[in-house]
Amino acid sequence: MSKTKNNQLFPWGERTYIMGILNITPDSFSDGGEFYNLNAALLQGKRMVAEGADIIDVGGQSTRPGATQISLQEELSRVIPVITALRHEVSVPISIDTTRAEVVKKAIAAGADLVNDISGGTFDAEMFPTVATLKVPIVLMHIRGTPQTMQTLTNYEDLVRDIYQWLSERIEAACAAGIERWRLIIDPGIGFAKTKEQNLELLRRLGEFRSLGVPILVGPSRKSFIGHVLNRPEPKERVWGTAAACCRAIAAGADLLRVHDVASMYDVCRMADTLWLTY
């Protein structure tokens, strides 16, 4: 994977980058089962690249509220063939969306370039040492509990301050494990252990996380808080709401957006960058 002259994943600040979601699951909240076989997943990955995705994020474990944990072997059987096939077909970086260090090892060996860990390295004690050894970037997302319990853990003393402190501690833990700071990306975890009102507050106050000094990923795509605001129970009908959330994130300084609807959000990003990007 090529890097910039500053040894970064991308030249952050020049524009907003897009991470396309590729769920290899039967039960994801929005597109479960659609790309569950290799051919469908490969076609979707290539389609998202053609539509403007800068990264393809491959995940085999659903993280929707209430999702059950699958076995290590099941997760590997879902994601490794897809990563292997994609690596031969696309040139953009491939991300492995997992909380397991063993999956990271095999995914990177198969051709993945970076890690997207919804637990911020807290679910597997070997995650940070593994990433440090492999010398790949990692996204550290904020969560409380697990997908099974997170929506019961939404009481915060101060929402943004508490998440900021948690992310700061995870950054320091990653660096202490030997991961270079320039390889880190943070994600405040829209939809994970947050209520509708808290998700909206996070988007409004996203700029406060800039002082952590690392790129910010935001993942509002099709999520339930948009459905509640717009009275859209069907996730695929939340494209316009997702677009508005992405615009707010860009205005506040997001560097990377994780989305399902790449073609639509590509246009949103380019227009929003023109309006707000002031680096």
C-alpha atoms as a PDB file:
ATOM      1  CA  MET A   1       0.000   0.000   0.000  1.00  0.00           C
ATOM      2  CA  SER A   2       1.466   3.329  -0.979  1.00  0.00           C
ATOM      3  CA  LYS A   3       1.896   6.028   1.638  1.00  0.00           C
ATOM      4  CA  THR A   4       2.465   9.746   1.443  1.00  0.00           C
ATOM      5  CA  LYS A   5       5.832  11.404   1.899  1.00  0.00           C
ATOM      6  CA  ASN A   6       4.923  11.877   5.588  1.00  0.00           C
ATOM      7  CA  ASN A   7       4.377   8.119   5.927  1.00  0.00           C
ATOM      8  CA  GLN A   8       0.639   8.541   6.412  1.00  0.00           C
ATOM      9  CA  LEU A   9      -2.185   6.390   5.077  1.00  0.00           C
ATOM     10  CA  PHE A  10      -3.548   9.416   3.191  1.00  0.00           C
ATOM     11  CA  PRO A  11      -2.612  13.103   3.042  1.00  0.00           C
ATOM     12  CA  TRP A  12      -5.183  13.967   5.716  1.00  0.00           C
ATOM     13  CA  GLY A  13      -6.800  17.354   5.398  1.00  0.00           C
ATOM     14  CA  GLU A  14      -6.724  17.592   1.617  1.00  0.00           C
ATOM     15  CA  ARG A  15     -10.201  16.079   1.267  1.00  0.00           C
ATOM     16  CA  THR A  16     -12.649  13.752   2.989  1.00  0.00           C
ATOM     17  CA  TYR A  17     -11.983  10.071   2.278  1.00  0.00           C
ATOM     18  CA  ILE A  18     -14.595   7.328   1.929  1.00  0.00           C
ATOM     19  CA  MET A  19     -14.539   3.863   3.492  1.00  0.00           C
ATOM     20  CA  GLY A  20     -17.018   1.551   1.760  1.00  0.00           C
ATOM     21  CA  ILE A  21     -18.746  -1.026   3.970  1.00  0.00           C
ATOM     22  CA  LEU A  22     -18.604  -4.647   2.800  1.00  0.00           C
ATOM     23  CA  ASN A  23     -20.455  -6.863   5.279  1.00  0.00           C
ATOM     24  CA  ILE A  24     -19.895 -10.593   4.784  1.00  0.00           C
ATOM     25  CA  THR A  25     -22.692 -11.446   7.197  1.00  0.00           C
ATOM     26  CA  PRO A  26     -26.200 -12.875   7.148  1.00  0.00           C
ATOM     27  CA  ASP A  27     -27.452 -10.543   9.889  1.00  0.00           C
ATOM     28  CA  SER A  28     -26.090  -7.001   9.593  1.00  0.00           C
ATOM     29  CA  PHE A  29     -28.790  -4.418  10.316  1.00  0.00           C
ATOM     30  CA  SER A  30     -28.843  -2.857   6.841  1.00  0.00           C
ATOM     31  CA  ASP A  31     -27.560  -5.308   4.253  1.00  0.00           C
ATOM     32  CA  GLY A  32     -27.280  -8.666   5.994  1.00  0.00           C
ATOM     33  CA  GLY A  33     -27.009 -11.532   3.539  1.00  0.00           C
ATOM     34  CA  GLU A  34     -26.656  -9.407   0.387  1.00  0.00           C
ATOM     35  CA  PHE A  35     -22.923 -10.013   0.003  1.00  0.00           C
ATOM     36  CA  TYR A  36     -22.653 -13.260   1.934  1.00  0.00           C
ATOM     37  CA  ASN A  37     -21.170 -15.245  -0.966  1.00  0.00           C
ATOM     38  CA  LEU A  38     -17.785 -14.625  -2.561  1.00  0.00           C
ATOM     39  CA  ASN A  39     -18.968 -13.548  -6.007  1.00  0.00           C
ATOM     40  CA  ALA A  40     -21.489 -11.043  -4.644  1.00  0.00           C
ATOM     41  CA  ALA A  41     -18.926  -9.638  -2.214  1.00  0.00           C
ATOM     42  CA  LEU A  42     -16.283  -9.278  -4.909  1.00  0.00           C
ATOM     43  CA  LEU A  43     -18.694  -7.518  -7.273  1.00  0.00           C
ATOM     44  CA  GLN A  44     -19.805  -5.136  -4.529  1.00  0.00           C
ATOM     45  CA  GLY A  45     -16.209  -4.336  -3.552  1.00  0.00           C
ATOM     46  CA  LYS A  46     -15.291  -3.528  -7.143  1.00  0.00           C
ATOM     47  CA  ARG A  47     -18.483  -1.508  -7.560  1.00  0.00           C
ATOM     48  CA  MET A  48     -17.670   0.622  -4.521  1.00  0.00           C
ATOM     49  CA  VAL A  49     -14.165   1.322  -5.803  1.00  0.00           C
ATOM     50  CA  ALA A  50     -15.607   2.381  -9.166  1.00  0.00           C
ATOM     51  CA  GLU A  51     -18.018   4.672  -7.295  1.00  0.00           C
ATOM     52  CA  GLY A  52     -15.201   6.410  -5.449  1.00  0.00           C
ATOM     53  CA  ALA A  53     -14.379   4.417  -2.289  1.00  0.00           C
ATOM     54  CA  ASP A  54     -10.863   5.054  -0.994  1.00  0.00           C
ATOM     55  CA  ILE A  55     -10.911   2.020   1.338  1.00  0.00           C
ATOM     56  CA  ILE A  56     -12.982  -1.173   1.378  1.00  0.00           C
ATOM     57  CA  ASP A  57     -13.857  -2.315   4.910  1.00  0.00           C
ATOM     58  CA  VAL A  58     -14.460  -6.078   5.053  1.00  0.00           C
ATOM     59  CA  GLY A  59     -16.219  -7.479   8.110  1.00  0.00           C
ATOM     60  CA  GLY A  60     -17.543 -10.921   8.955  1.00  0.00           C
ATOM     61  CA  GLN A  61     -18.963 -10.291  12.427  1.00  0.00           C
ATOM     62  CA  SER A  62     -22.164  -8.279  12.700  1.00  0.00           C
ATOM     63  CA  THR A  63     -21.927  -5.528  15.317  1.00  0.00           C
ATOM     64  CA  ARG A  64     -25.559  -4.409  15.247  1.00  0.00           C
ATOM     65  CA  PRO A  65     -27.204  -4.093  18.687  1.00  0.00           C
ATOM     66  CA  GLY A  66     -27.883  -7.576  20.038  1.00  0.00           C
ATOM     67  CA  ALA A  67     -25.690  -9.411  17.514  1.00  0.00           C
ATOM     68  CA  THR A  68     -24.268 -12.710  18.747  1.00  0.00           C
ATOM     69  CA  GLN A  69     -20.560 -13.509  18.608  1.00  0.00           C
ATOM     70  CA  ILE A  70     -19.538 -16.028  15.944  1.00  0.00           C
ATOM     71  CA  SER A  71     -16.597 -18.409  16.255  1.00  0.00           C
ATOM     72  CA  LEU A  72     -13.094 -17.496  15.141  1.00  0.00           C
ATOM     73  CA  GLN A  73     -13.189 -20.087  12.376  1.00  0.00           C
ATOM     74  CA  GLU A  74     -16.522 -18.822  11.091  1.00  0.00           C
ATOM     75  CA  GLU A  75     -15.229 -15.256  10.970  1.00  0.00           C
ATOM     76  CA  LEU A  76     -12.098 -16.351   9.114  1.00  0.00           C
ATOM     77  CA  SER A  77     -14.099 -18.402   6.627  1.00  0.00           C
ATOM     78  CA  ARG A  78     -16.204 -15.358   5.813  1.00  0.00           C
ATOM     79  CA  VAL A  79     -13.547 -12.689   5.381  1.00  0.00           C
ATOM     80  CA  ILE A  80     -10.298 -14.297   4.199  1.00  0.00           C
ATOM     81  CA  PRO A  81     -11.559 -15.547   0.799  1.00  0.00           C
ATOM     82  CA  VAL A  82     -13.094 -12.122   0.112  1.00  0.00           C
ATOM     83  CA  ILE A  83      -9.917 -10.226   1.035  1.00  0.00           C
ATOM     84  CA  THR A  84      -7.816 -12.610  -1.050  1.00  0.00           C
ATOM     85  CA  ALA A  85     -10.066 -12.157  -4.084  1.00  0.00           C
ATOM     86  CA  LEU A  86     -10.363  -8.382  -3.663  1.00  0.00           C
ATOM     87  CA  ARG A  87      -6.615  -7.937  -3.385  1.00  0.00           C
ATOM     88  CA  HIS A  88      -6.259  -9.288  -6.924  1.00  0.00           C
ATOM     89  CA  GLU A  89      -8.979  -6.970  -8.262  1.00  0.00           C
ATOM     90  CA  VAL A  90      -8.637  -3.577  -6.527  1.00  0.00           C
ATOM     91  CA  SER A  91      -5.709  -1.311  -5.754  1.00  0.00           C
ATOM     92  CA  VAL A  92      -7.246   0.703  -2.896  1.00  0.00           C
ATOM     93  CA  PRO A  93      -6.447  -0.215   0.716  1.00  0.00           C
ATOM     94  CA  ILE A  94      -8.524  -2.992   2.280  1.00  0.00           C
ATOM     95  CA  SER A  95      -9.522  -2.773   5.928  1.00  0.00           C
ATOM     96  CA  ILE A  96     -10.353  -5.750   8.135  1.00  0.00           C
ATOM     97  CA  ASP A  97     -13.232  -4.976  10.497  1.00  0.00           C
ATOM     98  CA  THR A  98     -12.571  -7.244  13.473  1.00  0.00           C
ATOM     99  CA  THR A  99     -11.844  -7.311  17.193  1.00  0.00           C
ATOM    100  CA  ARG A 100      -9.668 -10.447  17.011  1.00  0.00           C
ATOM    101  CA  ALA A 101      -5.901 -10.354  16.647  1.00  0.00           C
ATOM    102  CA  GLU A 102      -5.843 -13.765  14.969  1.00  0.00           C
ATOM    103  CA  VAL A 103      -8.183 -12.514  12.253  1.00  0.00           C
ATOM    104  CA  VAL A 104      -5.928  -9.488  11.784  1.00  0.00           C
ATOM    105  CA  LYS A 105      -2.873 -11.691  11.258  1.00  0.00           C
ATOM    106  CA  LYS A 106      -4.539 -13.785   8.587  1.00  0.00           C
ATOM    107  CA  ALA A 107      -6.277 -10.824   6.946  1.00  0.00           C
ATOM    108  CA  ILE A 108      -3.052  -8.843   6.578  1.00  0.00           C
ATOM    109  CA  ALA A 109      -1.344 -11.949   5.187  1.00  0.00           C
ATOM    110  CA  ALA A 110      -4.197 -12.252   2.667  1.00  0.00           C
ATOM    111  CA  GLY A 111      -3.743  -8.673   1.476  1.00  0.00           C
ATOM    112  CA  ALA A 112      -5.518  -6.331   3.918  1.00  0.00           C
ATOM    113  CA  ASP A 113      -3.771  -3.070   4.758  1.00  0.00           C
ATOM    114  CA  LEU A 114      -5.318  -1.758   7.968  1.00  0.00           C
ATOM    115  CA  VAL A 115      -7.513  -2.712  10.924  1.00  0.00           C
ATOM    116  CA  ASN A 116     -10.888  -1.339  12.012  1.00  0.00           C
ATOM    117  CA  ASP A 117     -11.507  -2.423  15.619  1.00  0.00           C
ATOM    118  CA  ILE A 118     -14.861  -1.414  17.103  1.00  0.00           C
ATOM    119  CA  SER A 119     -13.507  -2.185  20.580  1.00  0.00           C
ATOM    120  CA  GLY A 120     -10.533   0.149  20.354  1.00  0.00           C
ATOM    121  CA  GLY A 121      -8.279  -2.788  21.164  1.00  0.00           C
ATOM    122  CA  THR A 122     -10.116  -3.723  24.373  1.00  0.00           C
ATOM    123  CA  PHE A 123     -11.694  -7.058  23.387  1.00  0.00           C
ATOM    124  CA  ASP A 124      -8.422  -8.860  22.629  1.00  0.00           C
ATOM    125  CA  ALA A 125      -5.250  -8.197  24.634  1.00  0.00           C
ATOM    126  CA  GLU A 126      -3.163  -9.291  21.642  1.00  0.00           C
ATOM    127  CA  MET A 127      -4.619  -6.704  19.273  1.00  0.00           C
ATOM    128  CA  PHE A 128      -2.177  -3.867  19.926  1.00  0.00           C
ATOM    129  CA  PRO A 129       0.953  -6.067  20.024  1.00  0.00           C
ATOM    130  CA  THR A 130      -0.189  -7.716  16.779  1.00  0.00           C
ATOM    131  CA  VAL A 131      -0.804  -4.400  15.011  1.00  0.00           C
ATOM    132  CA  ALA A 132       2.515  -3.060  16.299  1.00  0.00           C
ATOM    133  CA  THR A 133       4.365  -6.093  14.910  1.00  0.00           C
ATOM    134  CA  LEU A 134       2.562  -5.930  11.557  1.00  0.00           C
ATOM    135  CA  LYS A 135       3.109  -2.136  11.317  1.00  0.00           C
ATOM    136  CA  VAL A 136      -0.333  -1.344   9.913  1.00  0.00           C
ATOM    137  CA  PRO A 137      -2.789   1.463  10.730  1.00  0.00           C
ATOM    138  CA  ILE A 138      -5.686   0.852  13.106  1.00  0.00           C
ATOM    139  CA  VAL A 139      -9.013   2.576  13.729  1.00  0.00           C
ATOM    140  CA  LEU A 140      -9.814   2.843  17.449  1.00  0.00           C
ATOM    141  CA  MET A 141     -13.564   3.108  17.974  1.00  0.00           C
ATOM    142  CA  HIS A 142     -15.335   3.987  21.203  1.00  0.00           C
ATOM    143  CA  ILE A 143     -17.753   1.450  22.632  1.00  0.00           C
ATOM    144  CA  ARG A 144     -19.118   0.451  26.006  1.00  0.00           C
ATOM    145  CA  GLY A 145     -19.848  -3.195  26.705  1.00  0.00           C
ATOM    146  CA  THR A 146     -20.426  -5.445  23.711  1.00  0.00           C
ATOM    147  CA  PRO A 147     -22.954  -5.381  20.847  1.00  0.00           C
ATOM    148  CA  GLN A 148     -25.157  -7.525  23.085  1.00  0.00           C
ATOM    149  CA  THR A 149     -25.084  -5.052  26.016  1.00  0.00           C
ATOM    150  CA  MET A 150     -24.039  -1.664  24.638  1.00  0.00           C
ATOM    151  CA  GLN A 151     -27.490  -0.083  24.370  1.00  0.00           C
ATOM    152  CA  THR A 152     -27.982  -0.551  28.124  1.00  0.00           C
ATOM    153  CA  LEU A 153     -24.789   1.421  28.839  1.00  0.00           C
ATOM    154  CA  THR A 154     -25.707   4.903  27.656  1.00  0.00           C
ATOM    155  CA  ASN A 155     -25.384   6.864  30.917  1.00  0.00           C
ATOM    156  CA  TYR A 156     -22.481   9.315  30.683  1.00  0.00           C
ATOM    157  CA  GLU A 157     -21.374  11.950  33.172  1.00  0.00           C
ATOM    158  CA  ASP A 158     -20.332  14.150  30.241  1.00  0.00           C
ATOM    159  CA  LEU A 159     -20.749  12.491  26.839  1.00  0.00           C
ATOM    160  CA  VAL A 160     -18.010  14.164  24.829  1.00  0.00           C
ATOM    161  CA  ARG A 161     -15.585  14.501  27.714  1.00  0.00           C
ATOM    162  CA  ASP A 162     -15.978  10.825  28.659  1.00  0.00           C
ATOM    163  CA  ILE A 163     -15.498   9.608  25.071  1.00  0.00           C
ATOM    164  CA  TYR A 164     -12.588  12.000  24.543  1.00  0.00           C
ATOM    165  CA  GLN A 165     -10.850  10.670  27.663  1.00  0.00           C
ATOM    166  CA  TRP A 166     -11.457   7.046  26.641  1.00  0.00           C
ATOM    167  CA  LEU A 167     -10.053   7.619  23.161  1.00  0.00           C
ATOM    168  CA  SER A 168      -7.074   9.502  24.591  1.00  0.00           C
ATOM    169  CA  GLU A 169      -6.312   6.550  26.858  1.00  0.00           C
ATOM    170  CA  ARG A 170      -6.611   4.096  23.952  1.00  0.00           C
ATOM    171  CA  ILE A 171      -4.228   6.218  21.865  1.00  0.00           C
ATOM    172  CA  GLU A 172      -1.684   6.175  24.672  1.00  0.00           C
ATOM    173  CA  ALA A 173      -2.112   2.422  25.177  1.00  0.00           C
ATOM    174  CA  ALA A 174      -1.601   1.806  21.463  1.00  0.00           C
ATOM    175  CA  CYS A 175       1.548   3.934  21.422  1.00  0.00           C
ATOM    176  CA  ALA A 176       2.846   2.191  24.548  1.00  0.00           C
ATOM    177  CA  ALA A 177       2.382  -1.134  22.742  1.00  0.00           C
ATOM    178  CA  GLY A 178       4.633   0.069  19.935  1.00  0.00           C
ATOM    179  CA  ILE A 179       2.119   1.386  17.379  1.00  0.00           C
ATOM    180  CA  GLU A 180       3.330   4.624  15.830  1.00  0.00           C
ATOM    181  CA  ARG A 181       0.942   7.489  16.477  1.00  0.00           C
ATOM    182  CA  TRP A 182       0.718   8.309  12.761  1.00  0.00           C
ATOM    183  CA  ARG A 183      -0.880   4.894  12.215  1.00  0.00           C
ATOM    184  CA  LEU A 184      -3.840   5.703  14.497  1.00  0.00           C
ATOM    185  CA  ILE A 185      -7.346   6.822  13.507  1.00  0.00           C
ATOM    186  CA  ILE A 186     -10.126   7.451  16.036  1.00  0.00           C
ATOM    187  CA  ASP A 187     -13.867   6.885  15.742  1.00  0.00           C
ATOM    188  CA  PRO A 188     -16.279   8.264  18.391  1.00  0.00           C
ATOM    189  CA  GLY A 189     -18.589   5.300  17.736  1.00  0.00           C
ATOM    190  CA  ILE A 190     -21.856   6.720  16.429  1.00  0.00           C
ATOM    191  CA  GLY A 191     -24.594   4.248  17.355  1.00  0.00           C
ATOM    192  CA  PHE A 192     -22.507   2.231  19.806  1.00  0.00           C
ATOM    193  CA  ALA A 193     -23.718   2.674  23.400  1.00  0.00           C
ATOM    194  CA  LYS A 194     -25.354   5.988  22.447  1.00  0.00           C
ATOM    195  CA  THR A 195     -28.955   7.164  22.315  1.00  0.00           C
ATOM    196  CA  LYS A 196     -30.438   9.132  19.429  1.00  0.00           C
ATOM    197  CA  GLU A 197     -29.840  12.404  21.290  1.00  0.00           C
ATOM    198  CA  GLN A 198     -26.249  11.418  22.122  1.00  0.00           C
ATOM    199  CA  ASN A 199     -25.476  10.564  18.502  1.00  0.00           C
ATOM    200  CA  LEU A 200     -26.751  13.984  17.448  1.00  0.00           C
ATOM    201  CA  GLU A 201     -24.675  15.673  20.137  1.00  0.00           C
ATOM    202  CA  LEU A 202     -21.566  13.807  19.014  1.00  0.00           C
ATOM    203  CA  LEU A 203     -22.031  15.016  15.452  1.00  0.00           C
ATOM    204  CA  ARG A 204     -22.591  18.588  16.613  1.00  0.00           C
ATOM    205  CA  ARG A 205     -19.477  18.521  18.820  1.00  0.00           C
ATOM    206  CA  LEU A 206     -17.235  16.337  16.677  1.00  0.00           C
ATOM    207  CA  GLY A 207     -14.711  19.143  16.249  1.00  0.00           C
ATOM    208  CA  GLU A 208     -13.719  18.817  19.908  1.00  0.00           C
ATOM    209  CA  PHE A 209     -11.934  15.560  19.079  1.00  0.00           C
ATOM    210  CA  ARG A 210      -9.550  17.333  16.679  1.00  0.00           C
ATOM    211  CA  SER A 211      -7.253  18.201  19.568  1.00  0.00           C
ATOM    212  CA  LEU A 212      -6.381  14.518  19.974  1.00  0.00           C
ATOM    213  CA  GLY A 213      -4.173  15.050  16.938  1.00  0.00           C
ATOM    214  CA  VAL A 214      -5.106  11.989  14.883  1.00  0.00           C
ATOM    215  CA  PRO A 215      -7.506  11.541  11.931  1.00  0.00           C
ATOM    216  CA  ILE A 216     -11.199  11.087  12.729  1.00  0.00           C
ATOM    217  CA  LEU A 217     -13.462   8.454  11.165  1.00  0.00           C
ATOM    218  CA  VAL A 218     -17.244   8.850  11.452  1.00  0.00           C
ATOM    219  CA  GLY A 219     -19.752   6.106  10.631  1.00  0.00           C
ATOM    220  CA  PRO A 220     -23.355   7.411  10.600  1.00  0.00           C
ATOM    221  CA  SER A 221     -24.484   5.411   7.572  1.00  0.00           C
ATOM    222  CA  ARG A 222     -28.140   4.291   7.653  1.00  0.00           C
ATOM    223  CA  LYS A 223     -28.101   4.123  11.468  1.00  0.00           C
ATOM    224  CA  SER A 224     -31.176   4.018  13.653  1.00  0.00           C
ATOM    225  CA  PHE A 225     -30.891   7.560  15.029  1.00  0.00           C
ATOM    226  CA  ILE A 226     -31.432   8.799  11.462  1.00  0.00           C
ATOM    227  CA  GLY A 227     -34.453   6.529  11.150  1.00  0.00           C
ATOM    228  CA  HIS A 228     -35.896   7.920  14.393  1.00  0.00           C
ATOM    229  CA  VAL A 229     -35.425  11.541  13.296  1.00  0.00           C
ATOM    230  CA  LEU A 230     -36.901  10.969   9.838  1.00  0.00           C
ATOM    231  CA  ASN A 231     -39.411   8.224  10.700  1.00  0.00           C
ATOM    232  CA  ARG A 232     -37.643   5.867   8.288  1.00  0.00           C
ATOM    233  CA  PRO A 233     -37.727   2.349   9.767  1.00  0.00           C
ATOM    234  CA  GLU A 234     -36.162   0.858   6.625  1.00  0.00           C
ATOM    235  CA  PRO A 235     -32.349   1.434   6.745  1.00  0.00           C
ATOM    236  CA  LYS A 236     -32.003   1.735   2.963  1.00  0.00           C
ATOM    237  CA  GLU A 237     -34.386   4.698   3.007  1.00  0.00           C
ATOM    238  CA  ARG A 238     -31.980   6.733   5.152  1.00  0.00           C
ATOM    239  CA  VAL A 239     -29.641   7.873   2.362  1.00  0.00           C
ATOM    240  CA  TRP A 240     -30.647  11.545   2.584  1.00  0.00           C
ATOM    241  CA  GLY A 241     -30.384  11.509   6.357  1.00  0.00           C
ATOM    242  CA  THR A 242     -26.976   9.889   6.067  1.00  0.00           C
ATOM    243  CA  ALA A 243     -25.965  12.623   3.627  1.00  0.00           C
ATOM    244  CA  ALA A 244     -26.929  15.324   6.125  1.00  0.00           C
ATOM    245  CA  ALA A 245     -25.023  13.585   8.919  1.00  0.00           C
ATOM    246  CA  CYS A 246     -21.969  13.266   6.666  1.00  0.00           C
ATOM    247  CA  CYS A 247     -22.143  16.978   5.824  1.00  0.00           C
ATOM    248  CA  ARG A 248     -22.205  17.848   9.530  1.00  0.00           C
ATOM    249  CA  ALA A 249     -19.253  15.563  10.172  1.00  0.00           C
ATOM    250  CA  ILE A 250     -17.239  17.137   7.354  1.00  0.00           C
ATOM    251  CA  ALA A 251     -18.051  20.638   8.571  1.00  0.00           C
ATOM    252  CA  ALA A 252     -16.706  19.619  11.991  1.00  0.00           C
ATOM    253  CA  GLY A 253     -13.479  18.170  10.587  1.00  0.00           C
ATOM    254  CA  ALA A 254     -14.038  14.460   9.900  1.00  0.00           C
ATOM    255  CA  ASP A 255     -11.299  12.941   7.751  1.00  0.00           C
ATOM    256  CA  LEU A 256     -12.909   9.623   6.799  1.00  0.00           C
ATOM    257  CA  LEU A 257     -16.538   8.520   6.449  1.00  0.00           C
ATOM    258  CA  ARG A 258     -17.631   4.890   6.639  1.00  0.00           C
ATOM    259  CA  VAL A 259     -20.700   4.437   4.401  1.00  0.00           C
ATOM    260  CA  HIS A 260     -22.861   1.940   2.533  1.00  0.00           C
ATOM    261  CA  ASP A 261     -23.992   4.202  -0.320  1.00  0.00           C
ATOM    262  CA  VAL A 262     -20.661   5.115  -1.852  1.00  0.00           C
ATOM    263  CA  ALA A 263     -21.806   6.789  -5.080  1.00  0.00           C
ATOM    264  CA  SER A 264     -24.202   9.132  -3.290  1.00  0.00           C
ATOM    265  CA  MET A 265     -21.796   9.952  -0.473  1.00  0.00           C
ATOM    266  CA  TYR A 266     -18.973  10.577  -2.951  1.00  0.00           C
ATOM    267  CA  ASP A 267     -20.939  13.498  -4.344  1.00  0.00           C
ATOM    268  CA  VAL A 268     -21.849  14.639  -0.842  1.00  0.00           C
ATOM    269  CA  CYS A 269     -18.191  14.615   0.208  1.00  0.00           C
ATOM    270  CA  ARG A 270     -16.958  16.493  -2.829  1.00  0.00           C
ATOM    271  CA  MET A 271     -19.595  19.229  -2.429  1.00  0.00           C
ATOM    272  CA  ALA A 272     -19.152  19.449   1.335  1.00  0.00           C
ATOM    273  CA  ASP A 273     -15.374  19.620   0.952  1.00  0.00           C
ATOM    274  CA  THR A 274     -15.802  22.554  -1.425  1.00  0.00           C
ATOM    275  CA  LEU A 275     -18.017  24.340   1.098  1.00  0.00           C
ATOM    276  CA  TRP A 276     -16.217  23.604   4.346  1.00  0.00           C
ATOM    277  CA  LEU A 277     -12.711  22.216   3.958  1.00  0.00           C
ATOM    278  CA  THR A 278     -10.481  25.033   5.140  1.00  0.00           C
ATOM    279  CA  TYR A 279      -7.210  23.350   6.095  1.00  0.00           C
END
